[in-house]
Amino acid sequence: MKRSLLLAGLLLVVGCGPTVQQYSIIIKNDTDRPMTVVLTKDGGPMDMKWLPPEDFAALLHAPPDAKVNGIVIPPGKTVDQTRSSEFNSGTHAILRVYNGKQTPETMVGISPGSPNREDVPLAPGENNIIIGRDGKAVRQ
């Protein structure tokens, strides 16, 4: 009985570790202005390529080559990226869409719910996003 409980406990601990998930994202900017997008996640484990701007700004000892992973999409253009990371249970990938051409410093000041930012949850695998003329991002 004790052995069964110990084995079940070990399996539970091993099964709760992070898993690697891959995201392929195609984003079309259908607006008449540039839009800035940043790929983030809402939990651990920490990954420099997925850090949101506010976490990046809080780092005291960032590697010299580290930078916020945001890109500016010109009006009418489409970009695609494929990126993977480890995700703890309950952690989700989120695409942040910022209105206009933003810098890391300005992104830090744009909070969730602002009319200048939209957070779009992503699913592992393929994600097709269109930023409509109104600036709202929609998963297709």
Protein backbone atom coordinates (compact mmCIF):
# COMPACT_ATOMS: atom_id res chain seq x y z
CA MET A 1 0.00 0.00 0.00
CA LYS A 2 2.77 2.42 0.96
CA ARG A 3 4.61 1.57 -2.28
CA SER A 4 1.51 2.28 -4.35
CA LEU A 5 1.02 5.66 -2.71
CA LEU A 6 4.70 6.54 -3.16
CA LEU A 7 4.61 5.54 -6.84
CA ALA A 8 1.40 7.50 -7.42
CA GLY A 9 2.95 10.55 -5.72
CA LEU A 10 6.09 10.31 -7.87
CA LEU A 11 4.05 10.04 -11.05
CA LEU A 12 2.02 13.08 -10.03
CA VAL A 13 5.18 15.13 -9.42
CA VAL A 14 6.79 14.02 -12.69
CA GLY A 15 3.57 14.66 -14.64
CA CYS A 16 3.31 18.25 -13.39
CA GLY A 17 6.52 19.55 -14.95
CA PRO A 18 6.63 22.04 -17.79
CA THR A 19 5.81 20.92 -21.31
CA VAL A 20 7.19 22.34 -24.54
CA GLN A 21 4.54 23.97 -26.73
CA GLN A 22 5.00 25.43 -30.20
CA TYR A 23 3.04 28.34 -31.68
CA SER A 24 2.89 29.32 -35.35
CA ILE A 25 1.41 32.78 -35.65
CA ILE A 26 0.40 34.64 -38.80
CA ILE A 27 -0.65 38.24 -38.12
CA LYS A 28 -2.14 40.50 -40.78
CA ASN A 29 -2.35 44.23 -40.07
CA ASP A 30 -5.46 45.34 -41.94
CA THR A 31 -5.34 48.87 -40.48
CA ASP A 32 -4.02 52.08 -42.04
CA ARG A 33 -1.39 52.50 -39.29
CA PRO A 34 1.49 50.48 -37.84
CA MET A 35 0.68 48.06 -35.03
CA THR A 36 3.14 46.65 -32.48
CA VAL A 37 2.81 43.02 -31.37
CA VAL A 38 4.55 41.19 -28.53
CA LEU A 39 4.41 37.46 -27.81
CA THR A 40 4.19 36.79 -24.06
CA LYS A 41 3.05 34.14 -21.61
CA ASP A 42 1.21 34.56 -18.33
CA GLY A 43 3.33 32.25 -16.21
CA GLY A 44 6.51 30.23 -15.98
CA PRO A 45 9.00 29.09 -16.49
CA MET A 46 10.68 32.36 -17.42
CA ASP A 47 11.90 32.62 -21.00
CA MET A 48 13.70 35.77 -22.21
CA LYS A 49 12.12 35.41 -25.68
CA TRP A 50 8.62 35.57 -24.16
CA LEU A 51 9.03 38.27 -21.50
CA PRO A 52 6.39 41.00 -21.43
CA PRO A 53 7.77 44.56 -21.55
CA GLU A 54 7.06 45.27 -17.87
CA ASP A 55 8.99 42.16 -16.73
CA PHE A 56 11.84 43.00 -19.08
CA ALA A 57 12.01 46.54 -17.68
CA ALA A 58 12.19 45.14 -14.13
CA LEU A 59 15.24 42.96 -14.85
CA LEU A 60 18.30 44.18 -13.03
CA HIS A 61 20.83 42.03 -14.88
CA ALA A 62 19.51 41.41 -18.38
CA PRO A 63 21.99 39.87 -20.81
CA PRO A 64 23.59 42.54 -23.04
CA ASP A 65 21.92 41.18 -26.19
CA ALA A 66 18.45 40.89 -24.60
CA LYS A 67 15.57 42.97 -25.93
CA VAL A 68 11.79 43.09 -25.85
CA ASN A 69 10.50 40.65 -28.47
CA GLY A 70 8.00 43.05 -30.03
CA ILE A 71 7.80 43.85 -33.72
CA VAL A 72 6.06 46.63 -35.61
CA ILE A 73 3.80 45.50 -38.45
CA PRO A 74 3.35 48.18 -41.13
CA PRO A 75 -0.17 48.86 -42.46
CA GLY A 76 -1.41 46.18 -44.85
CA LYS A 77 1.49 43.81 -44.10
CA THR A 78 1.53 40.26 -42.75
CA VAL A 79 4.17 38.67 -40.53
CA ASP A 80 4.59 35.13 -39.35
CA GLN A 81 6.59 33.61 -36.55
CA THR A 82 7.03 30.18 -35.05
CA ARG A 83 8.20 30.03 -31.49
CA SER A 84 8.25 27.43 -28.74
CA SER A 85 8.85 27.47 -25.02
CA GLU A 86 8.28 25.47 -21.88
CA PHE A 87 4.91 26.09 -20.23
CA ASN A 88 3.91 25.20 -16.69
CA SER A 89 0.43 23.81 -16.22
CA GLY A 90 -2.03 26.71 -16.38
CA THR A 91 0.33 29.01 -18.31
CA HIS A 92 -0.95 30.44 -21.60
CA ALA A 93 0.57 32.15 -24.62
CA ILE A 94 -0.74 35.65 -25.27
CA LEU A 95 -0.25 37.95 -28.22
CA ARG A 96 -0.33 41.58 -27.15
CA VAL A 97 -1.42 43.99 -29.85
CA TYR A 98 -0.53 47.64 -29.27
CA ASN A 99 -2.03 50.47 -31.31
CA GLY A 100 0.66 52.30 -33.30
CA LYS A 101 4.42 52.07 -33.28
CA GLN A 102 5.41 51.52 -29.66
CA THR A 103 8.75 51.36 -27.85
CA PRO A 104 9.47 49.15 -24.84
CA GLU A 105 9.19 52.23 -22.63
CA THR A 106 5.75 53.23 -23.96
CA MET A 107 4.44 49.64 -23.86
CA VAL A 108 5.12 49.48 -20.10
CA GLY A 109 2.67 52.35 -19.60
CA ILE A 110 -0.17 50.71 -21.56
CA SER A 111 -2.14 48.50 -19.20
CA PRO A 112 -4.60 45.69 -19.93
CA GLY A 113 -8.00 47.05 -20.90
CA SER A 114 -6.52 50.20 -22.43
CA PRO A 115 -7.95 51.16 -25.83
CA ASN A 116 -4.32 51.04 -27.08
CA ARG A 117 -3.74 47.38 -26.14
CA GLU A 118 -5.47 44.10 -26.75
CA ASP A 119 -4.42 40.72 -25.33
CA VAL A 120 -5.22 37.77 -27.60
CA PRO A 121 -4.95 34.25 -26.12
CA LEU A 122 -3.22 31.79 -28.42
CA ALA A 123 -3.61 28.05 -28.83
CA PRO A 124 -0.66 25.68 -29.38
CA GLY A 125 -0.20 25.08 -33.10
CA GLU A 126 -1.41 27.44 -35.83
CA ASN A 127 -2.89 30.85 -35.02
CA ASN A 128 -4.15 33.21 -37.72
CA ILE A 129 -4.79 36.72 -36.45
CA ILE A 130 -6.23 39.65 -38.37
CA ILE A 131 -6.00 43.14 -36.91
CA GLY A 132 -9.11 44.73 -38.40
CA ARG A 133 -9.52 48.33 -39.54
CA ASP A 134 -10.88 49.18 -36.09
CA GLY A 135 -7.63 47.94 -34.49
CA LYS A 136 -9.26 44.88 -32.91
CA ALA A 137 -7.43 41.57 -33.28
CA VAL A 138 -9.51 38.54 -34.23
CA ARG A 139 -8.42 34.89 -34.36
CA GLN A 140 -9.51 33.21 -37.58
